[in-house]
Amino acid sequence: MNLPSSLSASYWQSFEVKKSDADFLLTYLFERETPSETSELVEALIAERIRFEEEAILEKRKGSGEVFLPKEKYQAGDELAFPALGWQKGKVLSVREGKNPENDAFDVMTVEMEGGDEHLFAMGVENHALNESGDVGEGSGDVELEAIMDEYGDALVNKLATALEAGDELVSIANHWFPRALLVDVNVGHLNLAEAILDMAEGEPLETSVLMKDIDFPEGDNPSLTEFSLNFALKEDSRFDEVGATGAVLWCLERLEPEEVRNVPKMLQYDPVDLDRSTLSDEMLALEAKLDDELSKITVDADTSKKATISLLYPHWRLGTFPISERLRSFFPSAYESPRIRFTLIDGDGGERMPAWVVKDNRYVYGLKEWYKEKGLIPGSLIDIRHGKAAGEVIIQAQTHRSKRDWVRTVMAGSDGGLVFATLKQVINAKFEDRMILAVPDAEAQDKAWELTQKSNKQFETLVRSVMEELKKLNPQGHIHAQELYSAINLLKRCPPAPLFSLLATSPWAEHVGDLYFHLNDELTSKEEV
């Protein structure tokens, strides 16, 4: 298909949605009477753009005269049309013999083009790509719809979605679009009935089709259009929350969602600390990536393996949450719009199914408190996750073993909020990371210590030094590993690893003794305090 160069790679790379495109899609949806995904609309738009260009070519070809083919020979005065130049017309002015020892004999003609410019063309050349003239409509791999979608589809989908959102003629829900003017009427009575149905479900999300069974809509309406209209009406009403993963639409009453899902728990809230990432060594950067802290703003390839393992951090253990770090995000469901996603966790040991929530914007999972308790886990315990068999399912498995008593780092909170660390024998039910392990015999006392720390407004540096002062007592040399300190600091203040590591790297009172072990310089500390 001899399409002009405007449909080359640069055409799609510089693609912009025009008013005529929006009008075409509006008509397209009117005729189909069925909501369509953004990718479907992009495909329709690509096909329309190609059709438009083909018609333009056909129009140019009308009365164009003879089509130029390099294998033919022409004479002065012949009028030709040139497909490779957008079907411009030209008149042969003169012909001469071509000279190139590397090629067979050929001639060269001088052609005056429509605009008055003169161009030289070879003729009498048997082997040339332009000899395959083809007709418009024969098809070409360069403009094949599938190939265009593979190469430019994601960018085109994003551009179209942005353009449609800026208008008001089309509305969307779950990445599907439809004209506002064709929506089925959904009134307050319908919405109140939907609320009552969801109330009876006691917080269990329901599909739109389930809600429709008990809502009296007029017979004869297009079912898919009615469902789309109800989805849109629910979306516009603040009582309802769409909590389905990509490809599914589930509705829940927002007031029935767990508080820890609607609002980020205080223990997971991070008050940013000054950070200069240039101060972090390669060792620190490697450890930061390994720790899987959801607050770490780093670029890490998502885990493509079948299984990943994390070491449980105190705030997540206490709240029954699970981090969605950059490395782990591919294991959990996402959504086009929903900030909260309901999905199913499956216990890898017994197969028990547990309802859970992804809090997308804040990158954590909620719903594991009872499971942590049942498995006898503590901060530092190792947990595996892997993909479930069905969409929206994630398998989670603690690395449990028979209960045994072991010497581990144990923390006790004083009434003043201070912490005391000791190595004591504790009942251990699962494998753990040595530098993350923290037995917490009195969680309520630890909660009070957390609250006192938040109220004290203690400087981050002061807090770190006080925790180091206690941790150093566990080691004869007084050495503290950066990972041990990270685990301990999160007993009192939510903090990702990078700000802590940067403080250690830049503070004179923290002496690096190798392999990310640090020594608290007592002499400098006491002088500063004086």
Protein backbone atom coordinates (compact mmCIF):
# COMPACT_ATOMS: atom_id res chain seq x y z
CA MET A 1 0.00 0.00 0.00
CA ASN A 2 1.68 3.22 -1.14
CA LEU A 3 0.87 5.39 1.85
CA PRO A 4 2.67 8.71 2.27
CA SER A 5 5.55 9.18 4.68
CA SER A 6 3.13 10.77 7.19
CA LEU A 7 2.25 7.23 8.29
CA SER A 8 5.82 6.32 9.08
CA ALA A 9 7.15 5.91 12.64
CA SER A 10 7.32 9.68 13.16
CA TYR A 11 3.60 9.95 12.36
CA TRP A 12 2.62 7.79 15.33
CA GLN A 13 5.33 9.13 17.63
CA SER A 14 4.06 12.68 17.17
CA PHE A 15 0.39 11.65 17.15
CA GLU A 16 -1.98 14.18 18.70
CA VAL A 17 -5.71 13.74 19.26
CA LYS A 18 -7.66 16.26 17.17
CA LYS A 19 -11.22 17.51 17.49
CA SER A 20 -12.09 15.42 14.42
CA ASP A 21 -10.79 12.31 16.21
CA ALA A 22 -13.00 12.98 19.25
CA ASP A 23 -15.99 13.52 16.95
CA PHE A 24 -15.25 10.26 15.13
CA LEU A 25 -15.07 8.31 18.42
CA LEU A 26 -18.29 9.88 19.66
CA THR A 27 -20.06 8.71 16.48
CA TYR A 28 -18.36 5.32 16.74
CA LEU A 29 -19.70 4.79 20.28
CA PHE A 30 -23.15 6.10 19.33
CA GLU A 31 -23.35 3.51 16.57
CA ARG A 32 -22.04 0.63 18.68
CA GLU A 33 -24.19 1.44 21.73
CA THR A 34 -21.64 -0.46 23.83
CA PRO A 35 -18.97 0.97 26.18
CA SER A 36 -15.46 0.42 24.84
CA GLU A 37 -12.01 0.19 26.42
CA THR A 38 -9.43 2.87 25.62
CA SER A 39 -7.35 0.37 23.65
CA GLU A 40 -10.39 -0.51 21.50
CA LEU A 41 -10.94 3.17 20.75
CA VAL A 42 -7.27 3.58 19.82
CA GLU A 43 -7.54 0.69 17.36
CA ALA A 44 -10.65 2.22 15.82
CA LEU A 45 -8.92 5.60 15.58
CA ILE A 46 -5.81 4.11 13.93
CA ALA A 47 -7.98 2.35 11.37
CA GLU A 48 -9.83 5.61 10.70
CA ARG A 49 -6.60 7.58 10.27
CA ILE A 50 -5.31 4.98 7.79
CA ARG A 51 -8.64 5.04 5.93
CA PHE A 52 -8.48 8.83 5.74
CA GLU A 53 -4.96 8.75 4.29
CA GLU A 54 -5.97 6.07 1.79
CA GLU A 55 -8.85 8.21 0.57
CA ALA A 56 -6.53 11.18 0.24
CA ILE A 57 -4.20 9.06 -1.89
CA LEU A 58 -7.05 7.90 -4.09
CA GLU A 59 -8.15 11.49 -4.54
CA LYS A 60 -4.65 12.50 -5.59
CA ARG A 61 -4.47 9.60 -8.03
CA LYS A 62 -7.56 10.74 -9.94
CA GLY A 63 -6.31 12.09 -13.25
CA SER A 64 -2.69 11.67 -12.18
CA GLY A 65 -1.65 10.08 -15.42
CA GLU A 66 0.84 7.24 -15.68
CA VAL A 67 2.36 5.93 -12.43
CA PHE A 68 6.17 6.15 -12.33
CA LEU A 69 7.91 2.76 -12.16
CA PRO A 70 11.75 2.67 -12.28
CA LYS A 71 11.76 -0.37 -14.62
CA GLU A 72 9.90 1.52 -17.37
CA LYS A 73 11.35 4.03 -19.83
CA TYR A 74 9.84 7.45 -20.49
CA GLN A 75 10.26 10.27 -23.01
CA ALA A 76 10.30 14.03 -22.80
CA GLY A 77 6.79 15.35 -22.43
CA ASP A 78 5.42 12.34 -20.51
CA GLU A 79 3.34 13.25 -17.46
CA LEU A 80 3.84 10.97 -14.46
CA ALA A 81 2.60 10.51 -10.90
CA PHE A 82 5.09 9.62 -8.14
CA PRO A 83 3.64 7.43 -5.29
CA ALA A 84 6.73 7.79 -3.09
CA LEU A 85 6.27 11.58 -3.12
CA GLY A 86 2.64 11.58 -2.05
CA TRP A 87 1.41 11.20 -5.63
CA GLN A 88 2.87 14.48 -6.80
CA LYS A 89 2.69 15.02 -10.54
CA GLY A 90 5.61 15.83 -12.81
CA LYS A 91 6.51 16.32 -16.49
CA VAL A 92 9.58 14.74 -18.09
CA LEU A 93 11.82 17.50 -19.49
CA SER A 94 14.76 15.48 -20.82
CA VAL A 95 16.38 12.03 -20.86
CA ARG A 96 20.07 11.09 -20.84
CA GLU A 97 22.21 7.99 -20.36
CA GLY A 98 23.12 7.15 -16.77
CA LYS A 99 26.71 6.43 -15.79
CA ASN A 100 27.57 4.08 -12.89
CA PRO A 101 30.02 1.20 -13.51
CA GLU A 102 28.63 -0.72 -10.51
CA ASN A 103 25.13 -0.91 -12.07
CA ASP A 104 23.67 -2.23 -15.27
CA ALA A 105 22.84 0.26 -18.01
CA PHE A 106 20.14 2.75 -17.10
CA ASP A 107 18.87 6.19 -18.09
CA VAL A 108 18.26 9.37 -16.11
CA MET A 109 15.34 11.68 -16.70
CA THR A 110 14.88 15.25 -15.49
CA VAL A 111 11.35 15.91 -14.21
CA GLU A 112 9.69 19.23 -13.45
CA MET A 113 7.43 18.71 -10.42
CA GLU A 114 4.15 20.50 -9.67
CA GLY A 115 5.82 23.22 -7.61
CA GLY A 116 8.40 23.99 -10.30
CA ASP A 117 11.31 22.12 -8.72
CA GLU A 118 13.33 19.79 -10.91
CA HIS A 119 14.25 16.23 -9.78
CA LEU A 120 16.33 13.49 -11.37
CA PHE A 121 14.97 9.92 -11.55
CA ALA A 122 16.57 6.71 -12.77
CA MET A 123 14.61 4.64 -15.26
CA GLY A 124 15.12 1.30 -16.96
CA VAL A 125 16.11 -0.23 -13.57
CA GLU A 126 14.68 -3.73 -13.27
CA ASN A 127 15.53 -4.39 -9.60
CA HIS A 128 14.01 -1.60 -7.53
CA ALA A 129 11.56 -1.61 -4.59
CA LEU A 130 9.36 1.02 -6.25
CA ASN A 131 8.60 -1.36 -9.12
CA GLU A 132 6.10 -3.04 -6.79
CA SER A 133 3.47 -0.40 -7.23
CA GLY A 134 0.61 -2.05 -5.39
CA ASP A 135 -2.80 -0.52 -4.96
CA VAL A 136 -4.23 1.26 -2.00
CA GLY A 137 -5.97 -1.31 0.16
CA GLU A 138 -3.59 -4.21 -0.56
CA GLY A 139 -2.15 -3.86 2.95
CA SER A 140 1.38 -3.32 4.25
CA GLY A 141 3.29 -4.52 7.30
CA ASP A 142 4.39 -0.94 8.00
CA VAL A 143 0.85 0.17 8.75
CA GLU A 144 -0.63 -3.07 9.95
CA LEU A 145 -2.88 -2.36 12.92
CA GLU A 146 -1.37 -5.03 15.14
CA ALA A 147 2.15 -3.84 14.44
CA ILE A 148 1.23 -0.23 15.20
CA MET A 149 -0.41 -1.25 18.50
CA ASP A 150 2.60 -3.34 19.49
CA GLU A 151 5.02 -0.51 18.83
CA TYR A 152 3.05 2.60 19.83
CA GLY A 153 -0.09 1.28 21.54
CA ASP A 154 0.78 2.22 25.14
CA ALA A 155 1.71 5.79 24.23
CA LEU A 156 -1.39 6.21 22.05
CA VAL A 157 -3.66 4.83 24.79
CA ASN A 158 -2.23 7.33 27.29
CA LYS A 159 -2.61 10.24 24.87
CA LEU A 160 -6.19 9.33 24.02
CA ALA A 161 -7.21 8.81 27.67
CA THR A 162 -5.78 12.23 28.58
CA ALA A 163 -7.62 13.90 25.68
CA LEU A 164 -10.95 12.22 26.46
CA GLU A 165 -10.72 13.07 30.17
CA ALA A 166 -10.31 16.72 29.24
CA GLY A 167 -13.64 16.68 27.39
CA ASP A 168 -17.11 16.22 28.82
CA GLU A 169 -18.96 14.33 26.08
CA LEU A 170 -17.56 10.92 27.03
CA VAL A 171 -17.47 9.44 30.53
CA SER A 172 -15.38 6.53 31.81
CA ILE A 173 -15.46 3.81 34.41
CA ALA A 174 -12.86 1.04 34.76
CA ASN A 175 -11.14 2.21 31.55
CA HIS A 176 -14.36 1.95 29.48
CA TRP A 177 -15.87 4.97 27.68
CA PHE A 178 -19.35 5.91 26.55
CA PRO A 179 -21.25 9.08 25.52
CA ARG A 180 -22.78 10.87 28.48
CA ALA A 181 -25.90 11.59 26.44
CA LEU A 182 -26.70 7.87 26.04
CA LEU A 183 -26.42 6.86 29.70
CA VAL A 184 -29.42 5.09 31.19
CA ASP A 185 -31.09 7.15 33.92
CA VAL A 186 -29.97 6.05 37.39
CA ASN A 187 -31.88 7.94 40.07
CA VAL A 188 -31.46 8.43 43.82
CA GLY A 189 -33.81 5.53 44.52
CA HIS A 190 -31.59 3.16 42.57
CA LEU A 191 -28.52 4.36 44.47
CA ASN A 192 -30.22 4.05 47.86
CA LEU A 193 -31.21 0.50 47.00
CA ALA A 194 -27.60 -0.27 46.00
CA GLU A 195 -26.46 1.10 49.38
CA ALA A 196 -28.92 -1.17 51.20
CA ILE A 197 -27.71 -4.22 49.26
CA LEU A 198 -24.07 -3.46 50.07
CA ASP A 199 -25.01 -2.79 53.70
CA MET A 200 -26.44 -6.29 53.93
CA ALA A 201 -23.18 -7.65 52.48
CA GLU A 202 -21.42 -6.27 55.61
CA GLY A 203 -18.40 -4.90 53.80
CA GLU A 204 -18.02 -7.71 51.27
CA PRO A 205 -17.58 -6.10 47.83
CA LEU A 206 -20.14 -7.06 45.17
CA GLU A 207 -20.08 -7.07 41.37
CA THR A 208 -22.35 -4.64 39.53
CA SER A 209 -24.30 -7.54 38.01
CA VAL A 210 -25.20 -8.70 41.54
CA LEU A 211 -26.50 -5.24 42.46
CA MET A 212 -28.55 -5.08 39.25
CA LYS A 213 -30.51 -8.21 40.13
CA ASP A 214 -32.28 -6.36 42.94
CA ILE A 215 -32.56 -2.96 41.24
CA ASP A 216 -35.60 -2.47 39.00
CA PHE A 217 -34.39 -1.01 35.71
CA PRO A 218 -36.73 -0.67 32.70
CA GLU A 219 -36.92 -3.79 30.54
CA GLY A 220 -35.50 -3.56 27.05
CA ASP A 221 -32.47 -1.48 27.94
CA ASN A 222 -29.11 -2.70 26.69
CA PRO A 223 -27.78 -4.71 29.72
CA SER A 224 -24.15 -3.72 29.20
CA LEU A 225 -25.16 -0.07 28.84
CA THR A 226 -27.31 -0.28 31.98
CA GLU A 227 -24.40 -1.80 33.88
CA PHE A 228 -22.05 0.92 32.64
CA SER A 229 -24.56 3.62 33.61
CA LEU A 230 -24.96 2.19 37.11
CA ASN A 231 -21.19 1.95 37.48
CA PHE A 232 -20.81 5.59 36.52
CA ALA A 233 -23.57 6.72 38.90
CA LEU A 234 -21.99 4.76 41.76
CA LYS A 235 -18.60 6.27 40.94
CA GLU A 236 -20.05 9.78 41.19
CA ASP A 237 -21.62 9.08 44.61
CA SER A 238 -19.20 9.42 47.55
CA ARG A 239 -20.94 6.63 49.48
CA PHE A 240 -19.56 4.00 47.11
CA ASP A 241 -16.02 2.88 46.46
CA GLU A 242 -14.91 0.87 43.42
CA VAL A 243 -12.36 -1.64 44.74
CA GLY A 244 -11.86 -4.11 41.88
CA ALA A 245 -8.48 -4.95 40.39
CA THR A 246 -7.74 -4.22 36.73
CA GLY A 247 -10.35 -6.00 34.62
CA ALA A 248 -12.92 -6.31 37.42
CA VAL A 249 -15.46 -3.91 38.93
CA LEU A 250 -16.36 -4.42 42.59
CA TRP A 251 -18.36 -2.06 44.79
CA CYS A 252 -18.12 -1.50 48.52
CA LEU A 253 -19.52 1.09 50.90
CA GLU A 254 -16.63 3.31 51.90
CA ARG A 255 -17.84 3.54 55.50
CA LEU A 256 -17.62 -0.27 55.80
CA GLU A 257 -13.99 -0.45 54.69
CA PRO A 258 -11.38 -0.96 57.44
CA GLU A 259 -10.09 2.26 58.97
CA GLU A 260 -6.52 1.16 58.15
CA VAL A 261 -7.51 1.02 54.47
CA ARG A 262 -9.32 4.36 54.29
CA ASN A 263 -6.60 6.20 56.23
CA VAL A 264 -2.91 5.39 56.51
CA PRO A 265 -2.19 4.23 60.10
CA LYS A 266 0.05 6.60 62.06
CA MET A 267 2.65 3.88 62.48
CA LEU A 268 3.12 3.79 58.68
CA GLN A 269 3.21 7.56 58.21
CA TYR A 270 6.60 8.98 57.40
CA ASP A 271 7.63 12.52 58.30
CA PRO A 272 10.37 13.09 55.68
CA VAL A 273 13.91 13.61 56.89
CA ASP A 274 16.53 15.56 54.92
CA LEU A 275 18.34 13.27 52.52
CA ASP A 276 21.29 13.71 50.18
CA ARG A 277 21.45 10.47 48.19
CA SER A 278 24.96 11.30 46.97
CA THR A 279 26.21 10.49 50.49
CA LEU A 280 25.12 6.84 50.19
CA SER A 281 27.82 4.30 49.39
CA ASP A 282 27.32 1.43 46.94
CA GLU A 283 26.98 -0.91 49.93
CA MET A 284 24.23 1.27 51.37
CA LEU A 285 22.38 1.44 48.07
CA ALA A 286 22.52 -2.34 47.72
CA LEU A 287 21.17 -2.83 51.25
CA GLU A 288 18.42 -0.26 50.64
CA ALA A 289 17.20 -2.24 47.63
CA LYS A 290 17.35 -5.51 49.57
CA LEU A 291 15.26 -4.22 52.50
CA ASP A 292 12.07 -3.82 50.42
CA ASP A 293 10.84 -0.73 52.25
CA GLU A 294 7.77 0.65 50.49
CA LEU A 295 8.89 4.20 51.30
CA SER A 296 12.19 3.86 49.43
CA LYS A 297 11.95 6.00 46.32
CA ILE A 298 14.25 3.94 44.16
CA THR A 299 14.02 2.26 40.79
CA VAL A 300 14.26 -1.49 41.11
CA ASP A 301 13.17 -4.01 38.51
CA ALA A 302 9.96 -5.76 39.55
CA ASP A 303 10.57 -9.33 40.65
CA THR A 304 9.90 -11.63 37.70
CA SER A 305 10.64 -14.82 39.62
CA LYS A 306 7.91 -17.07 40.96
CA LYS A 307 8.69 -16.26 44.60
CA ALA A 308 10.04 -13.39 46.70
CA THR A 309 10.94 -13.19 50.39
CA ILE A 310 10.80 -10.31 52.85
CA SER A 311 11.79 -9.83 56.46
CA LEU A 312 8.93 -8.38 58.52
CA LEU A 313 9.43 -4.83 59.85
CA TYR A 314 7.96 -3.90 63.25
CA PRO A 315 5.26 -1.40 62.09
CA HIS A 316 3.94 -3.89 59.51
CA TRP A 317 3.96 -6.69 62.08
CA ARG A 318 2.08 -4.59 64.60
CA LEU A 319 -0.56 -3.41 62.13
CA GLY A 320 -1.00 -6.58 60.10
CA THR A 321 0.26 -4.94 56.92
CA PHE A 322 2.73 -5.96 54.23
CA PRO A 323 4.98 -3.66 52.18
CA ILE A 324 4.59 -3.31 48.42
CA SER A 325 8.12 -2.31 47.53
CA GLU A 326 9.16 -1.55 43.98
CA ARG A 327 10.54 -5.09 43.68
CA LEU A 328 7.34 -6.72 44.97
CA ARG A 329 4.68 -4.68 43.14
CA SER A 330 4.23 -7.22 40.33
CA PHE A 331 2.93 -9.79 42.83
CA PHE A 332 -0.08 -7.68 43.83
CA PRO A 333 -3.13 -6.56 41.83
CA SER A 334 -3.41 -3.00 40.62
CA ALA A 335 -6.21 -0.92 39.09
CA TYR A 336 -6.73 1.85 36.55
CA GLU A 337 -8.33 4.26 39.01
CA SER A 338 -9.15 2.61 42.34
CA PRO A 339 -6.84 3.70 45.17
CA ARG A 340 -8.01 0.73 47.27
CA ILE A 341 -8.21 -2.79 45.82
CA ARG A 342 -9.87 -5.79 47.43
CA PHE A 343 -8.20 -9.11 46.64
CA THR A 344 -7.57 -12.56 48.11
CA LEU A 345 -4.54 -13.83 50.00
CA ILE A 346 -4.05 -17.59 50.18
CA ASP A 347 -2.13 -19.27 53.00
CA GLY A 348 0.56 -21.32 51.31
CA ASP A 349 0.40 -23.95 54.07
CA GLY A 350 -3.29 -24.71 54.54
CA GLY A 351 -4.83 -22.99 51.54
CA GLU A 352 -6.98 -20.74 53.73
CA ARG A 353 -8.40 -17.80 51.76
CA MET A 354 -8.10 -14.41 53.44
CA PRO A 355 -9.66 -11.13 52.27
CA ALA A 356 -7.08 -8.37 52.02
CA TRP A 357 -6.66 -4.87 50.62
CA VAL A 358 -4.04 -3.16 48.50
CA VAL A 359 -3.70 0.52 49.43
CA LYS A 360 -2.17 1.47 46.10
CA ASP A 361 -1.04 5.05 46.64
CA ASN A 362 0.65 4.25 49.96
CA ARG A 363 2.02 0.90 48.80
CA TYR A 364 0.96 -1.53 51.46
CA VAL A 365 -1.36 -4.50 51.94
CA TYR A 366 -3.76 -4.67 54.90
CA GLY A 367 -5.44 -7.70 56.43
CA LEU A 368 -2.73 -9.93 57.95
CA LYS A 369 -2.87 -9.19 61.67
CA GLU A 370 -4.64 -12.41 62.66
CA TRP A 371 -2.48 -14.43 60.27
CA TYR A 372 0.73 -13.06 61.81
CA LYS A 373 -0.62 -13.94 65.24
CA GLU A 374 -1.73 -17.43 64.18
CA LYS A 375 1.71 -18.20 62.72
CA GLY A 376 3.51 -16.84 65.79
CA LEU A 377 5.56 -14.38 63.74
CA ILE A 378 7.63 -11.54 65.17
CA PRO A 379 9.50 -8.64 63.57
CA GLY A 380 12.29 -10.12 61.49
CA SER A 381 10.37 -13.30 60.52
CA LEU A 382 10.78 -14.38 56.90
CA ILE A 383 7.71 -14.50 54.64
CA ASP A 384 7.46 -15.78 51.06
CA ILE A 385 4.99 -14.51 48.49
CA ARG A 386 4.19 -15.91 45.06
CA HIS A 387 1.57 -15.53 42.37
CA GLY A 388 -1.74 -17.34 42.79
CA LYS A 389 -3.32 -19.46 40.08
CA ALA A 390 -6.24 -17.09 39.52
CA ALA A 391 -6.21 -13.36 38.80
CA GLY A 392 -6.42 -11.27 41.96
CA GLU A 393 -4.97 -14.01 44.17
CA VAL A 394 -1.61 -13.95 45.97
CA ILE A 395 -0.09 -16.84 47.91
CA ILE A 396 1.66 -15.92 51.17
CA GLN A 397 3.66 -18.35 53.27
CA ALA A 398 5.65 -17.89 56.48
CA GLN A 399 8.89 -19.86 56.76
CA THR A 400 7.60 -21.59 59.88
CA HIS A 401 9.12 -24.52 61.76
CA ARG A 402 8.46 -26.35 65.01
CA SER A 403 8.51 -23.99 67.99
CA LYS A 404 11.86 -23.73 69.72
CA ARG A 405 13.53 -21.42 72.19
CA ASP A 406 16.38 -19.34 70.79
CA TRP A 407 18.56 -16.44 71.90
CA VAL A 408 17.38 -13.37 69.97
CA ARG A 409 17.45 -9.59 70.25
CA THR A 410 14.64 -8.54 72.56
CA VAL A 411 13.28 -5.04 73.20
CA MET A 412 11.61 -3.71 76.35
CA ALA A 413 10.02 -0.27 76.52
CA GLY A 414 10.29 1.85 79.66
CA SER A 415 7.55 4.11 81.00
CA ASP A 416 9.54 7.11 79.74
CA GLY A 417 9.49 5.75 76.17
CA GLY A 418 13.11 4.66 76.25
CA LEU A 419 14.12 1.26 74.91
CA VAL A 420 16.31 -1.42 76.45
CA PHE A 421 17.74 -4.19 74.26
CA ALA A 422 18.88 -7.56 75.51
CA THR A 423 19.66 -10.96 74.06
CA LEU A 424 17.13 -13.30 75.67
CA LYS A 425 15.68 -16.71 74.99
CA GLN A 426 12.32 -16.48 73.17
CA VAL A 427 9.93 -18.94 71.56
CA ILE A 428 10.61 -18.80 67.83
CA ASN A 429 8.19 -20.25 65.27
CA ALA A 430 9.75 -19.18 61.96
CA LYS A 431 13.05 -18.53 60.26
CA PHE A 432 14.24 -14.96 60.60
CA GLU A 433 16.76 -12.41 59.36
CA ASP A 434 19.45 -12.10 62.07
CA ARG A 435 19.83 -8.35 61.71
CA MET A 436 16.09 -7.66 61.65
CA ILE A 437 14.89 -9.92 64.46
CA LEU A 438 13.21 -8.15 67.39
CA ALA A 439 11.19 -9.99 69.99
CA VAL A 440 8.59 -7.65 71.54
CA PRO A 441 7.25 -9.25 74.77
CA ASP A 442 4.99 -6.29 75.62
CA ALA A 443 3.47 -4.81 72.45
CA GLU A 444 1.22 -2.40 74.39
CA ALA A 445 4.19 -0.92 76.24
CA GLN A 446 5.93 -0.57 72.88
CA ASP A 447 2.85 1.27 71.54
CA LYS A 448 3.13 3.77 74.38
CA ALA A 449 6.82 4.27 73.63
CA TRP A 450 5.90 4.97 70.01
CA GLU A 451 3.29 7.54 71.06
CA LEU A 452 5.68 9.25 73.48
CA THR A 453 8.30 9.52 70.72
CA GLN A 454 5.81 11.22 68.37
CA LYS A 455 4.76 13.68 71.10
CA SER A 456 8.33 14.48 72.11
CA ASN A 457 9.26 15.90 68.69
CA LYS A 458 12.72 14.55 69.33
CA GLN A 459 15.20 15.37 66.55
CA PHE A 460 15.89 12.42 64.25
CA GLU A 461 19.62 12.56 64.97
CA THR A 462 19.00 12.53 68.72
CA LEU A 463 16.67 9.56 68.39
CA VAL A 464 19.20 7.60 66.32
CA ARG A 465 21.99 8.24 68.78
CA SER A 466 19.88 7.18 71.76
CA VAL A 467 18.93 3.90 70.05
CA MET A 468 22.58 3.28 69.10
CA GLU A 469 23.55 3.89 72.73
CA GLU A 470 21.36 0.95 73.74
CA LEU A 471 22.17 -1.35 70.82
CA LYS A 472 25.93 -1.08 71.33
CA LYS A 473 25.56 -2.89 74.66
CA LEU A 474 24.73 -6.08 72.77
CA ASN A 475 28.14 -6.24 71.10
CA PRO A 476 31.46 -6.50 73.02
CA GLN A 477 33.08 -4.07 70.56
CA GLY A 478 30.04 -1.79 70.59
CA HIS A 479 29.56 -2.23 66.83
CA ILE A 480 26.09 -1.80 65.29
CA HIS A 481 25.12 -2.87 61.78
CA ALA A 482 23.12 -0.37 59.70
CA GLN A 483 20.40 -2.98 59.13
CA GLU A 484 20.05 -3.66 62.89
CA LEU A 485 19.70 0.06 63.48
CA TYR A 486 17.10 0.40 60.71
CA SER A 487 15.00 -2.36 62.30
CA ALA A 488 15.34 -0.79 65.77
CA ILE A 489 14.60 2.82 64.73
CA ASN A 490 11.29 1.67 63.25
CA LEU A 491 10.22 0.64 66.74
CA LEU A 492 9.83 4.34 67.52
CA LYS A 493 9.61 6.19 64.19
CA ARG A 494 8.67 5.14 60.67
CA CYS A 495 11.71 5.71 58.54
CA PRO A 496 13.00 4.19 55.29
CA PRO A 497 16.65 3.14 55.20
CA ALA A 498 18.16 5.91 53.03
CA PRO A 499 17.80 8.88 55.46
CA LEU A 500 19.20 6.76 58.29
CA PHE A 501 22.13 5.56 56.20
CA SER A 502 22.85 9.11 55.03
CA LEU A 503 22.91 10.33 58.66
CA LEU A 504 25.41 7.59 59.55
CA ALA A 505 27.57 8.45 56.53
CA THR A 506 27.75 12.18 57.34
CA SER A 507 27.82 12.32 61.16
CA PRO A 508 31.21 12.50 62.90
CA TRP A 509 29.85 10.65 65.93
CA ALA A 510 29.08 7.57 63.79
CA GLU A 511 32.37 5.89 62.92
CA HIS A 512 32.21 3.37 60.06
CA VAL A 513 34.30 0.32 60.94
CA GLY A 514 33.61 -1.66 57.74
CA ASP A 515 30.88 -3.80 56.18
CA LEU A 516 28.20 -1.27 57.21
CA TYR A 517 29.04 -1.67 60.90
CA PHE A 518 29.19 1.59 62.84
CA HIS A 519 30.63 2.57 66.20
CA LEU A 520 29.14 5.33 68.30
CA ASN A 521 31.96 7.73 69.19
CA ASP A 522 31.29 8.26 72.90
CA GLU A 523 33.86 11.03 73.23
CA LEU A 524 32.31 13.16 70.50
CA THR A 525 28.81 12.41 71.78
CA SER A 526 29.60 13.50 75.34
CA LYS A 527 31.35 16.69 74.17
CA GLU A 528 28.38 17.67 72.01
CA GLU A 529 25.97 17.05 74.86
CA VAL A 530 28.02 19.32 77.14
